[in-house]
Protein backbone atom coordinates (compact mmCIF):
# COMPACT_ATOMS: atom_id res chain seq x y z
CA MET A 1 -11.79 -7.23 -17.41
CA HIS A 2 -12.82 -10.20 -15.31
CA ARG A 3 -12.28 -10.88 -11.69
CA HIS A 4 -12.37 -14.33 -10.25
CA VAL A 5 -13.51 -14.94 -6.71
CA ARG A 6 -13.70 -18.14 -4.74
CA ARG A 7 -15.99 -18.26 -1.73
CA ARG A 8 -15.63 -20.57 1.23
CA THR A 9 -18.07 -23.48 0.93
CA ASP A 10 -16.68 -26.05 3.37
CA GLU A 11 -13.66 -26.82 5.53
CA ALA A 12 -11.71 -28.35 2.60
CA ASP A 13 -12.26 -25.26 0.47
CA ARG A 14 -9.37 -22.82 0.74
CA GLY A 15 -11.63 -19.88 -0.16
CA HIS A 16 -9.51 -18.25 -2.85
CA LEU A 17 -10.68 -14.89 -4.04
CA VAL A 18 -9.36 -14.24 -7.49
CA ARG A 19 -10.06 -11.34 -9.76
CA GLU A 20 -8.70 -9.94 -12.95
CA ARG A 21 -7.42 -6.42 -13.39
CA ASP A 22 -8.16 -3.38 -15.56
CA GLY A 23 -5.23 -1.31 -14.47
CA ARG A 24 -5.11 0.38 -11.10
CA GLU A 25 -8.85 0.36 -10.31
CA SER A 26 -9.14 -3.39 -9.98
CA GLU A 27 -6.06 -3.59 -7.77
CA LEU A 28 -7.81 -1.14 -5.45
CA VAL A 29 -11.05 -3.15 -5.59
CA ALA A 30 -9.13 -6.31 -4.71
CA GLY A 31 -7.48 -4.53 -1.81
CA ARG A 32 -10.84 -3.39 -0.51
CA VAL A 33 -12.32 -6.91 -0.84
CA ARG A 34 -9.32 -8.21 1.16
CA GLU A 35 -9.91 -5.57 3.85
CA VAL A 36 -13.60 -6.40 4.16
CA THR A 37 -13.19 -10.19 4.17
CA GLY A 38 -9.80 -10.59 5.81
CA ALA A 39 -8.53 -12.48 2.74
CA ASP A 40 -4.83 -12.72 2.04
CA GLY A 41 -3.28 -11.02 -0.95
CA LEU A 42 -0.87 -12.32 -3.56
CA PRO A 43 0.85 -10.39 -6.31
CA ASP A 44 -1.20 -10.35 -9.49
CA LEU A 45 -0.72 -13.28 -11.82
CA ASP A 46 1.50 -11.28 -14.18
CA GLN A 47 3.84 -10.48 -11.27
CA LEU A 48 3.97 -14.15 -10.32
CA ILE A 49 4.79 -15.09 -13.93
CA GLU A 50 7.54 -12.44 -14.15
CA SER A 51 9.04 -13.60 -10.86
CA ARG A 52 9.02 -17.26 -11.88
CA GLU A 53 10.35 -16.62 -15.40
CA GLY A 54 12.81 -13.83 -14.58
CA ARG A 55 11.46 -11.85 -17.56
CA THR A 56 8.87 -9.14 -18.07
CA ILE A 57 5.51 -9.86 -19.70
CA PRO A 58 6.54 -7.94 -22.87
CA GLN A 59 9.75 -10.02 -23.06
CA ILE A 60 7.73 -13.23 -22.71
CA PHE A 61 5.29 -12.09 -25.42
CA GLN A 62 8.20 -11.25 -27.71
CA ALA A 63 10.01 -14.57 -27.17
CA GLU A 64 7.07 -16.96 -26.76
CA GLY A 65 4.17 -15.19 -28.46
CA GLU A 66 0.71 -14.89 -26.96
CA ALA A 67 0.13 -18.68 -27.02
CA GLY A 68 3.33 -19.29 -25.04
CA PHE A 69 2.41 -16.60 -22.55
CA ARG A 70 -1.11 -18.03 -22.11
CA ALA A 71 0.37 -21.49 -21.38
CA LEU A 72 2.63 -19.98 -18.71
CA GLU A 73 -0.31 -18.01 -17.32
CA HIS A 74 -2.43 -21.17 -16.98
CA GLY A 75 0.40 -23.07 -15.30
CA VAL A 76 1.14 -20.35 -12.75
CA LEU A 77 -2.59 -19.95 -12.01
CA ALA A 78 -2.92 -23.71 -11.42
CA GLU A 79 0.09 -23.61 -9.07
CA SER A 80 -1.33 -20.61 -7.20
CA LEU A 81 -4.70 -22.27 -6.68
CA ALA A 82 -3.02 -25.49 -5.49
CA VAL A 83 -1.05 -23.95 -2.60
CA PRO A 84 -2.16 -25.94 0.49
CA GLY A 85 -3.40 -24.04 3.50
CA SER A 86 -3.35 -20.71 1.75
CA GLY A 87 -6.70 -19.55 3.13
CA SER A 88 -8.84 -16.94 1.41
CA THR A 89 -6.71 -15.15 -1.16
CA VAL A 90 -7.17 -12.39 -3.72
CA LEU A 91 -5.22 -12.91 -6.95
CA ALA A 92 -5.38 -10.62 -9.99
CA LEU A 93 -5.49 -12.09 -13.49
CA GLY A 94 -4.74 -10.28 -16.73
CA GLY A 95 -7.47 -9.27 -19.19
CA GLY A 96 -6.83 -12.18 -21.56
CA ALA A 97 -6.66 -14.99 -19.00
CA PHE A 98 -10.40 -15.60 -18.80
CA VAL A 99 -10.62 -15.85 -22.60
CA VAL A 100 -8.66 -19.13 -22.46
CA GLU A 101 -11.03 -22.09 -22.04
CA LYS A 102 -8.43 -24.02 -19.95
CA VAL A 103 -8.36 -21.12 -17.48
CA ARG A 104 -12.17 -20.97 -17.27
CA ALA A 105 -12.27 -24.77 -16.81
CA LEU A 106 -9.63 -24.60 -14.06
CA LEU A 107 -11.59 -21.91 -12.22
CA ARG A 108 -14.83 -23.94 -12.51
CA GLU A 109 -13.03 -27.10 -11.34
CA ARG A 110 -11.65 -25.26 -8.30
CA GLN A 111 -15.04 -23.60 -7.67
CA VAL A 112 -13.66 -20.12 -8.24
CA PRO A 113 -16.51 -17.89 -9.39
CA ALA A 114 -15.56 -15.29 -11.99
CA VAL A 115 -16.47 -11.66 -11.43
CA TRP A 116 -16.47 -9.44 -14.52
CA LEU A 117 -15.71 -5.82 -13.62
CA ASP A 118 -17.11 -4.05 -16.64
CA ALA A 119 -16.95 -0.54 -18.03
CA PRO A 120 -17.03 0.94 -21.54
CA ALA A 121 -13.98 -0.01 -23.62
CA GLU A 122 -12.87 3.64 -23.83
CA GLU A 123 -12.81 3.88 -20.05
CA LEU A 124 -10.95 0.56 -19.72
CA PHE A 125 -8.36 1.77 -22.26
CA ARG A 126 -7.85 4.93 -20.21
CA ARG A 127 -7.57 2.99 -16.92
CA CYS A 128 -4.91 0.74 -18.44
CA GLU A 129 -2.77 3.73 -19.37
CA GLN A 130 0.09 3.35 -16.94
CA PRO A 131 3.43 4.66 -18.24
CA GLU A 132 5.40 2.22 -16.07
CA VAL A 133 3.42 -0.81 -17.33
CA VAL A 134 3.82 -2.09 -20.90
CA ARG A 135 0.74 -3.99 -22.04
CA PRO A 136 1.59 -5.91 -25.24
CA LEU A 137 -2.02 -6.10 -26.46
CA ARG A 138 -2.94 -2.46 -25.70
CA ARG A 139 -1.96 -0.40 -28.72
CA ASP A 140 -4.57 2.24 -29.54
CA PRO A 141 -8.23 2.88 -28.63
CA GLU A 142 -9.64 1.35 -31.84
CA GLN A 143 -7.58 -1.85 -31.53
CA PHE A 144 -8.36 -2.07 -27.81
CA THR A 145 -12.10 -1.74 -28.45
CA LYS A 146 -11.94 -4.53 -31.06
CA LEU A 147 -10.04 -6.75 -28.63
CA TYR A 148 -12.63 -6.05 -25.91
CA GLU A 149 -15.47 -6.89 -28.31
CA GLN A 150 -13.74 -10.13 -29.34
CA ARG A 151 -13.45 -11.14 -25.69
CA LEU A 152 -17.03 -10.30 -24.70
CA SER A 153 -18.42 -13.80 -25.33
CA SER A 154 -15.87 -15.17 -22.85
CA TYR A 155 -16.42 -12.38 -20.34
CA ARG A 156 -20.17 -13.04 -20.42
CA GLN A 157 -19.47 -16.52 -19.01
CA ALA A 158 -18.48 -14.96 -15.68
CA ASP A 159 -20.55 -15.88 -12.66
CA LEU A 160 -21.02 -12.24 -11.68
CA HIS A 161 -21.15 -9.08 -13.82
CA VAL A 162 -20.43 -5.82 -12.00
CA ILE A 163 -20.76 -2.50 -13.82
CA THR A 164 -18.02 -0.22 -12.46
CA LYS A 165 -18.63 3.01 -14.37
CA GLY A 166 -19.27 5.88 -11.97
CA LYS A 167 -18.82 3.75 -8.84
CA GLU A 168 -16.35 4.26 -6.02
CA ILE A 169 -13.86 1.49 -5.26
CA SER A 170 -15.49 0.72 -1.91
CA ALA A 171 -18.95 0.40 -3.51
CA ILE A 172 -17.62 -2.03 -6.13
CA ALA A 173 -15.91 -4.15 -3.48
CA GLU A 174 -18.98 -4.14 -1.24
CA GLU A 175 -21.15 -5.21 -4.18
CA ILE A 176 -18.82 -8.16 -4.86
CA VAL A 177 -18.81 -9.18 -1.19
CA MET A 178 -22.60 -8.93 -0.96
CA ARG A 179 -23.48 -10.61 -4.26
CA LEU A 180 -21.10 -13.52 -3.68
CA ALA A 181 -22.16 -13.83 -0.04
CA LEU A 182 -18.57 -13.57 1.15
CA GLN A 183 -18.07 -13.43 4.88
CA PRO A 184 -16.85 -10.05 6.17
CA ARG A 185 -13.99 -10.11 8.65
CA SER A 186 -15.31 -10.46 12.18
CA ALA A 187 -14.77 -7.47 14.43
CA GLU A 188 -12.01 -8.08 16.94
């Protein structure tokens, strides 16, 4: 539900663009932001965790619980943001990552502004319906809405709030680029 974006501020700044996902839409938004800015792309944070751990997210949740998963998530995010010379990068975070204070603190410390891509909970539930993706905390619309409402106070701490309902992917990406004053790729 949140996206995290880091803008280039000086030569030492690697310019990470990071954003969180709500299913397929946010992956498309991230792709469009990469196209416009020339940023690099990484797999989303969940994919990085699965690769490092050799287990799926549901398997990690089952074995470690949510707290164990969140600790792994924070560690992999910290490693991803510490890669030297990585340039401007788009990295997707899961919906619960920004709820964790350590994650928010890490993003602030690394000067990674958070972008909250927001839509009504019912729409977010529908967007997250991907048969090939098991989401351990997505059970039914009522439970999902309660979870969304519980997370709102954290989401409201984002640096940028973008309403996505009724907007095309390109319009959402362009709004992020404009409002964060990201530099578009120069024409070659």
